[in-house]
């Protein structure tokens, strides 16, 4: 006997649709995150005066955590 309410159960085909939809949205989200900087990198570099290599390299340094944020904050002061 199942302890789940009837409204929480899903058939196999419904699960496949949900999983496929979530997969597509993840692909679009990650793709737009990484490729957006390729499109906007040059305008960002032109407006801030930073070299393009620093702007694009920030995508690699961003996940390093709070140390990059502290260094960036000190550079702005």
PDB file of N, CA and C in Angstrom:
ATOM      1  N   UNK A   1       0.831  -1.168   0.000  1.00  0.00           N
ATOM      2  CA  UNK A   1       0.000   0.000   0.000  1.00  0.00           C
ATOM      3  C   UNK A   1       0.888   1.248   0.000  1.00  0.00           C
ATOM      4  N   UNK A   2       0.602   2.172  -0.870  1.00  0.00           N
ATOM      5  CA  UNK A   2       1.370   3.405  -0.994  1.00  0.00           C
ATOM      6  C   UNK A   2       0.903   4.437   0.034  1.00  0.00           C
ATOM      7  N   UNK A   3       1.886   5.155   0.595  1.00  0.00           N
ATOM      8  CA  UNK A   3       1.538   6.200   1.564  1.00  0.00           C
ATOM      9  C   UNK A   3       1.426   7.566   0.915  1.00  0.00           C
ATOM     10  N   UNK A   4       1.731   7.665  -0.364  1.00  0.00           N
ATOM     11  CA  UNK A   4       1.639   8.943  -1.077  1.00  0.00           C
ATOM     12  C   UNK A   4       0.194   9.237  -1.466  1.00  0.00           C
ATOM     13  N   UNK A   5      -0.160  10.507  -1.463  1.00  0.00           N
ATOM     14  CA  UNK A   5      -1.493  10.854  -1.972  1.00  0.00           C
ATOM     15  C   UNK A   5      -1.578  10.565  -3.464  1.00  0.00           C
ATOM     16  N   UNK A   6      -2.759  10.347  -3.949  1.00  0.00           N
ATOM     17  CA  UNK A   6      -2.963  10.035  -5.360  1.00  0.00           C
ATOM     18  C   UNK A   6      -2.492  11.159  -6.266  1.00  0.00           C
ATOM     19  N   UNK A   7      -2.538  12.393  -5.794  1.00  0.00           N
ATOM     20  CA  UNK A   7      -2.131  13.520  -6.630  1.00  0.00           C
ATOM     21  C   UNK A   7      -0.623  13.575  -6.827  1.00  0.00           C
ATOM     22  N   UNK A   8       0.172  12.869  -5.991  1.00  0.00           N
ATOM     23  CA  UNK A   8       1.626  12.902  -6.101  1.00  0.00           C
ATOM     24  C   UNK A   8       2.183  11.811  -7.006  1.00  0.00           C
ATOM     25  N   UNK A   9       1.394  10.860  -7.369  1.00  0.00           N
ATOM     26  CA  UNK A   9       1.893   9.785  -8.213  1.00  0.00           C
ATOM     27  C   UNK A   9       1.878  10.225  -9.665  1.00  0.00           C
ATOM     28  N   UNK A  10       2.890   9.781 -10.391  1.00  0.00           N
ATOM     29  CA  UNK A  10       2.993  10.131 -11.809  1.00  0.00           C
ATOM     30  C   UNK A  10       3.266   8.860 -12.598  1.00  0.00           C
ATOM     31  N   UNK A  11       2.754   8.821 -13.780  1.00  0.00           N
ATOM     32  CA  UNK A  11       3.006   7.677 -14.643  1.00  0.00           C
ATOM     33  C   UNK A  11       4.395   7.795 -15.234  1.00  0.00           C
ATOM     34  N   UNK A  12       4.874   6.737 -15.832  1.00  0.00           N
ATOM     35  CA  UNK A  12       6.201   6.749 -16.430  1.00  0.00           C
ATOM     36  C   UNK A  12       6.342   7.782 -17.529  1.00  0.00           C
ATOM     37  N   UNK A  13       5.317   7.935 -18.363  1.00  0.00           N
ATOM     38  CA  UNK A  13       5.407   8.899 -19.460  1.00  0.00           C
ATOM     39  C   UNK A  13       5.387  10.334 -18.926  1.00  0.00           C
ATOM     40  N   UNK A  14       4.633  10.591 -17.863  1.00  0.00           N
ATOM     41  CA  UNK A  14       4.607  11.940 -17.286  1.00  0.00           C
ATOM     42  C   UNK A  14       5.966  12.287 -16.689  1.00  0.00           C
ATOM     43  N   UNK A  15       6.610  11.315 -16.059  1.00  0.00           N
ATOM     44  CA  UNK A  15       7.948  11.552 -15.502  1.00  0.00           C
ATOM     45  C   UNK A  15       8.951  11.850 -16.611  1.00  0.00           C
ATOM     46  N   UNK A  16       8.846  11.117 -17.701  1.00  0.00           N
ATOM     47  CA  UNK A  16       9.773  11.360 -18.815  1.00  0.00           C
ATOM     48  C   UNK A  16       9.612  12.764 -19.373  1.00  0.00           C
ATOM     49  N   UNK A  17       8.398  13.233 -19.457  1.00  0.00           N
ATOM     50  CA  UNK A  17       8.151  14.592 -19.961  1.00  0.00           C
ATOM     51  C   UNK A  17       8.746  15.624 -19.016  1.00  0.00           C
ATOM     52  N   UNK A  18       8.534  15.436 -17.729  1.00  0.00           N
ATOM     53  CA  UNK A  18       9.070  16.382 -16.740  1.00  0.00           C
ATOM     54  C   UNK A  18      10.591  16.383 -16.764  1.00  0.00           C
ATOM     55  N   UNK A  19      11.199  15.209 -16.790  1.00  0.00           N
ATOM     56  CA  UNK A  19      12.659  15.111 -16.820  1.00  0.00           C
ATOM     57  C   UNK A  19      13.218  15.723 -18.098  1.00  0.00           C
ATOM     58  N   UNK A  20      12.569  15.477 -19.227  1.00  0.00           N
ATOM     59  CA  UNK A  20      13.029  16.070 -20.486  1.00  0.00           C
ATOM     60  C   UNK A  20      12.913  17.589 -20.448  1.00  0.00           C
ATOM     61  N   UNK A  21      11.824  18.104 -19.910  1.00  0.00           N
ATOM     62  CA  UNK A  21      11.650  19.556 -19.817  1.00  0.00           C
ATOM     63  C   UNK A  21      12.704  20.173 -18.908  1.00  0.00           C
ATOM     64  N   UNK A  22      12.972  19.532 -17.774  1.00  0.00           N
ATOM     65  CA  UNK A  22      14.011  20.040 -16.881  1.00  0.00           C
ATOM     66  C   UNK A  22      15.384  19.986 -17.537  1.00  0.00           C
ATOM     67  N   UNK A  23      15.649  18.927 -18.287  1.00  0.00           N
ATOM     68  CA  UNK A  23      16.927  18.821 -18.996  1.00  0.00           C
ATOM     69  C   UNK A  23      17.110  19.924 -20.021  1.00  0.00           C
ATOM     70  N   UNK A  24      16.074  20.207 -20.787  1.00  0.00           N
ATOM     71  CA  UNK A  24      16.154  21.268 -21.795  1.00  0.00           C
ATOM     72  C   UNK A  24      16.366  22.630 -21.134  1.00  0.00           C
ATOM     73  N   UNK A  25      15.647  22.895 -20.041  1.00  0.00           N
ATOM     74  CA  UNK A  25      15.831  24.191 -19.380  1.00  0.00           C
ATOM     75  C   UNK A  25      17.224  24.316 -18.788  1.00  0.00           C
ATOM     76  N   UNK A  26      17.792  23.224 -18.277  1.00  0.00           N
ATOM     77  CA  UNK A  26      19.166  23.281 -17.761  1.00  0.00           C
ATOM     78  C   UNK A  26      20.166  23.564 -18.880  1.00  0.00           C
ATOM     79  N   UNK A  27      19.989  22.931 -20.012  1.00  0.00           N
ATOM     80  CA  UNK A  27      20.884  23.166 -21.150  1.00  0.00           C
ATOM     81  C   UNK A  27      20.804  24.621 -21.589  1.00  0.00           C
ATOM     82  N   UNK A  28      19.601  25.161 -21.685  1.00  0.00           N
ATOM     83  CA  UNK A  28      19.444  26.561 -22.090  1.00  0.00           C
ATOM     84  C   UNK A  28      20.025  27.515 -21.045  1.00  0.00           C
ATOM     85  N   UNK A  29      19.826  27.220 -19.778  1.00  0.00           N
ATOM     86  CA  UNK A  29      20.340  28.094 -18.727  1.00  0.00           C
ATOM     87  C   UNK A  29      21.867  28.109 -18.708  1.00  0.00           C
ATOM     88  N   UNK A  30      22.484  26.943 -18.748  1.00  0.00           N
ATOM     89  CA  UNK A  30      23.937  26.892 -18.744  1.00  0.00           C
ATOM     90  C   UNK A  30      24.518  27.495 -20.032  1.00  0.00           C
ATOM     91  N   UNK A  31      23.890  27.218 -21.145  1.00  0.00           N
ATOM     92  CA  UNK A  31      24.376  27.777 -22.404  1.00  0.00           C
ATOM     93  C   UNK A  31      24.304  29.290 -22.419  1.00  0.00           C
ATOM     94  N   UNK A  32      23.209  29.834 -21.938  1.00  0.00           N
ATOM     95  CA  UNK A  32      23.093  31.292 -21.925  1.00  0.00           C
ATOM     96  C   UNK A  32      24.050  31.914 -20.921  1.00  0.00           C
ATOM     97  N   UNK A  33      24.341  31.225 -19.840  1.00  0.00           N
ATOM     98  CA  UNK A  33      25.282  31.754 -18.850  1.00  0.00           C
ATOM     99  C   UNK A  33      26.685  31.876 -19.428  1.00  0.00           C
ATOM    100  N   UNK A  34      27.134  30.847 -20.122  1.00  0.00           N
ATOM    101  CA  UNK A  34      28.502  30.864 -20.638  1.00  0.00           C
ATOM    102  C   UNK A  34      28.649  31.665 -21.926  1.00  0.00           C
ATOM    103  N   UNK A  35      27.687  31.581 -22.814  1.00  0.00           N
ATOM    104  CA  UNK A  35      27.830  32.265 -24.090  1.00  0.00           C
ATOM    105  C   UNK A  35      27.433  33.730 -24.029  1.00  0.00           C
ATOM    106  N   UNK A  36      26.741  34.134 -22.984  1.00  0.00           N
ATOM    107  CA  UNK A  36      26.357  35.531 -22.853  1.00  0.00           C
ATOM    108  C   UNK A  36      27.594  36.421 -22.721  1.00  0.00           C
ATOM    109  N   UNK A  37      28.591  35.956 -21.987  1.00  0.00           N
ATOM    110  CA  UNK A  37      29.808  36.742 -21.834  1.00  0.00           C
ATOM    111  C   UNK A  37      30.574  36.856 -23.152  1.00  0.00           C
ATOM    112  N   UNK A  38      30.489  35.852 -23.999  1.00  0.00           N
ATOM    113  CA  UNK A  38      31.144  35.940 -25.300  1.00  0.00           C
ATOM    114  C   UNK A  38      30.528  37.044 -26.145  1.00  0.00           C
ATOM    115  N   UNK A  39      29.242  37.276 -25.970  1.00  0.00           N
ATOM    116  CA  UNK A  39      28.558  38.326 -26.727  1.00  0.00           C
ATOM    117  C   UNK A  39      28.783  39.687 -26.087  1.00  0.00           C
ATOM    118  N   UNK A  40      28.726  39.749 -24.768  1.00  0.00           N
ATOM    119  CA  UNK A  40      28.806  41.035 -24.070  1.00  0.00           C
ATOM    120  C   UNK A  40      30.198  41.396 -23.561  1.00  0.00           C
ATOM    121  N   UNK A  41      31.173  40.516 -23.734  1.00  0.00           N
ATOM    122  CA  UNK A  41      32.515  40.771 -23.213  1.00  0.00           C
ATOM    123  C   UNK A  41      33.156  42.024 -23.771  1.00  0.00           C
ATOM    124  N   UNK A  42      33.081  42.232 -25.065  1.00  0.00           N
ATOM    125  CA  UNK A  42      33.699  43.406 -25.687  1.00  0.00           C
ATOM    126  C   UNK A  42      33.038  44.707 -25.228  1.00  0.00           C
ATOM    127  N   UNK A  43      31.708  44.812 -25.197  1.00  0.00           N
ATOM    128  CA  UNK A  43      31.108  46.040 -24.678  1.00  0.00           C
ATOM    129  C   UNK A  43      31.420  46.293 -23.200  1.00  0.00           C
ATOM    130  N   UNK A  44      31.503  45.237 -22.403  1.00  0.00           N
ATOM    131  CA  UNK A  44      31.852  45.408 -20.992  1.00  0.00           C
ATOM    132  C   UNK A  44      33.271  45.934 -20.866  1.00  0.00           C
ATOM    133  N   UNK A  45      34.193  45.367 -21.633  1.00  0.00           N
ATOM    134  CA  UNK A  45      35.583  45.825 -21.593  1.00  0.00           C
ATOM    135  C   UNK A  45      35.701  47.270 -22.056  1.00  0.00           C
ATOM    136  N   UNK A  46      34.956  47.643 -23.079  1.00  0.00           N
ATOM    137  CA  UNK A  46      35.015  49.012 -23.581  1.00  0.00           C
ATOM    138  C   UNK A  46      34.460  50.007 -22.556  1.00  0.00           C
ATOM    139  N   UNK A  47      33.385  49.635 -21.875  1.00  0.00           N
ATOM    140  CA  UNK A  47      32.763  50.559 -20.928  1.00  0.00           C
ATOM    141  C   UNK A  47      33.566  50.696 -19.639  1.00  0.00           C
ATOM    142  N   UNK A  48      34.149  49.594 -19.171  1.00  0.00           N
ATOM    143  CA  UNK A  48      34.881  49.645 -17.906  1.00  0.00           C
ATOM    144  C   UNK A  48      36.346  50.010 -18.079  1.00  0.00           C
ATOM    145  N   UNK A  49      36.878  49.842 -19.285  1.00  0.00           N
ATOM    146  CA  UNK A  49      38.292  50.105 -19.521  1.00  0.00           C
ATOM    147  C   UNK A  49      39.175  48.929 -19.152  1.00  0.00           C
ATOM    148  N   UNK A  50      38.583  47.814 -18.769  1.00  0.00           N
ATOM    149  CA  UNK A  50      39.364  46.633 -18.423  1.00  0.00           C
ATOM    150  C   UNK A  50      39.763  45.896 -19.685  1.00  0.00           C
ATOM    151  N   UNK A  51      40.898  45.189 -19.661  1.00  0.00           N
ATOM    152  CA  UNK A  51      41.253  44.355 -20.819  1.00  0.00           C
ATOM    153  C   UNK A  51      40.231  43.230 -21.004  1.00  0.00           C
ATOM    154  N   UNK A  52      40.003  42.849 -22.243  1.00  0.00           N
ATOM    155  CA  UNK A  52      39.048  41.787 -22.539  1.00  0.00           C
ATOM    156  C   UNK A  52      39.437  40.484 -21.849  1.00  0.00           C
ATOM    157  N   UNK A  53      40.736  40.224 -21.740  1.00  0.00           N
ATOM    158  CA  UNK A  53      41.180  38.986 -21.083  1.00  0.00           C
ATOM    159  C   UNK A  53      40.779  38.958 -19.612  1.00  0.00           C
ATOM    160  N   UNK A  54      40.755  40.101 -18.957  1.00  0.00           N
ATOM    161  CA  UNK A  54      40.330  40.163 -17.555  1.00  0.00           C
ATOM    162  C   UNK A  54      38.821  39.945 -17.453  1.00  0.00           C
ATOM    163  N   UNK A  55      38.084  40.552 -18.353  1.00  0.00           N
ATOM    164  CA  UNK A  55      36.626  40.407 -18.327  1.00  0.00           C
ATOM    165  C   UNK A  55      36.240  38.943 -18.548  1.00  0.00           C
ATOM    166  N   UNK A  56      36.819  38.305 -19.541  1.00  0.00           N
ATOM    167  CA  UNK A  56      36.491  36.915 -19.847  1.00  0.00           C
ATOM    168  C   UNK A  56      37.087  35.988 -18.790  1.00  0.00           C
ATOM    169  N   UNK A  57      38.258  36.318 -18.283  1.00  0.00           N
ATOM    170  CA  UNK A  57      38.879  35.506 -17.236  1.00  0.00           C
ATOM    171  C   UNK A  57      38.095  35.531 -15.941  1.00  0.00           C
ATOM    172  N   UNK A  58      37.301  36.572 -15.738  1.00  0.00           N
ATOM    173  CA  UNK A  58      36.472  36.647 -14.548  1.00  0.00           C
ATOM    174  C   UNK A  58      35.481  35.509 -14.449  1.00  0.00           C
ATOM    175  N   UNK A  59      35.084  34.960 -15.577  1.00  0.00           N
ATOM    176  CA  UNK A  59      34.172  33.812 -15.563  1.00  0.00           C
ATOM    177  C   UNK A  59      34.857  32.608 -14.928  1.00  0.00           C
ATOM    178  N   UNK A  60      36.158  32.472 -15.147  1.00  0.00           N
ATOM    179  CA  UNK A  60      36.895  31.370 -14.532  1.00  0.00           C
ATOM    180  C   UNK A  60      37.195  31.644 -13.063  1.00  0.00           C
ATOM    181  N   UNK A  61      37.442  32.891 -12.738  1.00  0.00           N
ATOM    182  CA  UNK A  61      37.776  33.228 -11.355  1.00  0.00           C
ATOM    183  C   UNK A  61      36.554  33.363 -10.467  1.00  0.00           C
ATOM    184  N   UNK A  62      35.401  33.635 -11.045  1.00  0.00           N
ATOM    185  CA  UNK A  62      34.193  33.838 -10.251  1.00  0.00           C
ATOM    186  C   UNK A  62      33.892  32.724  -9.272  1.00  0.00           C
ATOM    187  N   UNK A  63      33.960  31.472  -9.685  1.00  0.00           N
ATOM    188  CA  UNK A  63      33.638  30.387  -8.751  1.00  0.00           C
ATOM    189  C   UNK A  63      34.678  30.156  -7.666  1.00  0.00           C
ATOM    190  N   UNK A  64      35.797  30.888  -7.666  1.00  0.00           N
ATOM    191  CA  UNK A  64      36.823  30.646  -6.652  1.00  0.00           C
ATOM    192  C   UNK A  64      36.402  31.116  -5.280  1.00  0.00           C
ATOM    193  N   UNK A  65      35.343  31.884  -5.204  1.00  0.00           N
ATOM    194  CA  UNK A  65      34.804  32.223  -3.893  1.00  0.00           C
ATOM    195  C   UNK A  65      35.057  33.650  -3.466  1.00  0.00           C
ATOM    196  N   UNK A  66      35.087  33.848  -2.172  1.00  0.00           N
ATOM    197  CA  UNK A  66      35.126  35.186  -1.594  1.00  0.00           C
ATOM    198  C   UNK A  66      36.442  35.891  -1.849  1.00  0.00           C
ATOM    199  N   UNK A  67      37.530  35.165  -2.076  1.00  0.00           N
ATOM    200  CA  UNK A  67      38.825  35.831  -2.280  1.00  0.00           C
ATOM    201  C   UNK A  67      38.824  36.714  -3.518  1.00  0.00           C
ATOM    202  N   UNK A  68      38.216  36.250  -4.573  1.00  0.00           N
ATOM    203  CA  UNK A  68      38.150  37.077  -5.784  1.00  0.00           C
ATOM    204  C   UNK A  68      37.269  38.301  -5.549  1.00  0.00           C
ATOM    205  N   UNK A  69      36.229  38.152  -4.750  1.00  0.00           N
ATOM    206  CA  UNK A  69      35.370  39.301  -4.425  1.00  0.00           C
ATOM    207  C   UNK A  69      36.098  40.337  -3.596  1.00  0.00           C
ATOM    208  N   UNK A  70      36.892  39.876  -2.649  1.00  0.00           N
ATOM    209  CA  UNK A  70      37.679  40.800  -1.806  1.00  0.00           C
ATOM    210  C   UNK A  70      38.705  41.531  -2.662  1.00  0.00           C
ATOM    211  N   UNK A  71      39.394  40.816  -3.548  1.00  0.00           N
ATOM    212  CA  UNK A  71      40.379  41.462  -4.412  1.00  0.00           C
ATOM    213  C   UNK A  71      39.715  42.460  -5.344  1.00  0.00           C
ATOM    214  N   UNK A  72      38.561  42.129  -5.869  1.00  0.00           N
ATOM    215  CA  UNK A  72      37.859  43.043  -6.765  1.00  0.00           C
ATOM    216  C   UNK A  72      37.401  44.275  -6.009  1.00  0.00           C
ATOM    217  N   UNK A  73      36.953  44.091  -4.782  1.00  0.00           N
ATOM    218  CA  UNK A  73      36.521  45.228  -3.968  1.00  0.00           C
ATOM    219  C   UNK A  73      37.691  46.160  -3.662  1.00  0.00           C
ATOM    220  N   UNK A  74      38.833  45.585  -3.350  1.00  0.00           N
ATOM    221  CA  UNK A  74      40.025  46.409  -3.067  1.00  0.00           C
ATOM    222  C   UNK A  74      40.479  47.168  -4.320  1.00  0.00           C
ATOM    223  N   UNK A  75      40.339  46.548  -5.483  1.00  0.00           N
ATOM    224  CA  UNK A  75      40.741  47.207  -6.723  1.00  0.00           C
ATOM    225  C   UNK A  75      39.823  48.381  -7.040  1.00  0.00           C
ATOM    226  N   UNK A  76      38.564  48.302  -6.613  1.00  0.00           N
ATOM    227  CA  UNK A  76      37.627  49.389  -6.877  1.00  0.00           C
ATOM    228  C   UNK A  76      37.864  50.596  -5.964  1.00  0.00           C
ATOM    229  N   UNK A  77      38.487  50.358  -4.801  1.00  0.00           N
ATOM    230  CA  UNK A  77      38.693  51.467  -3.851  1.00  0.00           C
ATOM    231  C   UNK A  77      39.761  52.385  -4.284  1.00  0.00           C
TER     232      UNK A  77
END
